[in-house]
């Protein structure tokens, strides 16, 4: 009962915060920060890096351009049928070249009891290209070091290690006058990983010990300057024999009232988790940029 009440408090708090942003932002002039165009900093992923909700993008967090520093703080909540993921994160970027990020994840096993925790420390470097300008897409490489804080359950179901590093390369491009005369953004990410359920169930397993390359993708269309809709897809390795692991998918709506605040809400489908099928529900993320 206590866990259920805590869940309700968190959900109501996030929804209230989002409602407050939506209500106040049309009446308020926010102080813009950084030189990049609105929304080109993206949102914050559940692993702390700049991007969509579940996929890191080639874009760097915040709006820091050449010679500028930027930072973000964020809170995200994912609630599906039998689980809840709560994330608090922050990032620092410089010169539109380097991004450092951190995320603390708490995974509430609502049905089977208990919780899992993980810390994620990330770094991303833009190699070349620009999201908006020029013919080439923006290309970035990144790494995410993940440390599972409660390894007894992952170990019991066959996970081999409590920490590991994901490596990825991402390419992103925006078209200001795309189909239907809308701005479109697309991102493709290739990730080398052996994380079970993004690391919350440890790394490697009896099915597969080694890392493999998996694909991730995001596509978004802007309805106007402030609102965007899109979809995301994230392929996952399947390392543990006790339960299959499915790809993650979501359909999202993002709101960028200013360079200071962004709100992302989504319907998310996480497939089977720990033997419990059809895990679907909602995702909500709030980000503040400086």
Foldseek 3Di string as FASTA:
>chain_A
DVVVVVVVVVVVVQVVVVVVCVVCLVVDDDDFDADAAFCQQAAAEQQWFHDYHPDHALFGHARHAAAGKKKKWKWKWDAWDFKIKTKTKMWIDYNSFKIWMKMKIWMARRPVGDIWIKIKIKMKGWDDDDQEDDDFWTKMKMKIKMAIPDAPQLVVQFADARIDMKIKMKTKHWDCQDPVGWIKMKMKMKIWAQADVNRRSHGAGPQGRGTDIWIKMKMWTAPDSFKIKIKIKTADDAGTPQAGFGIKMWIKMKGGSHSFKIKMKIWIFRADDRNRGGTIDMMIMIMGMD
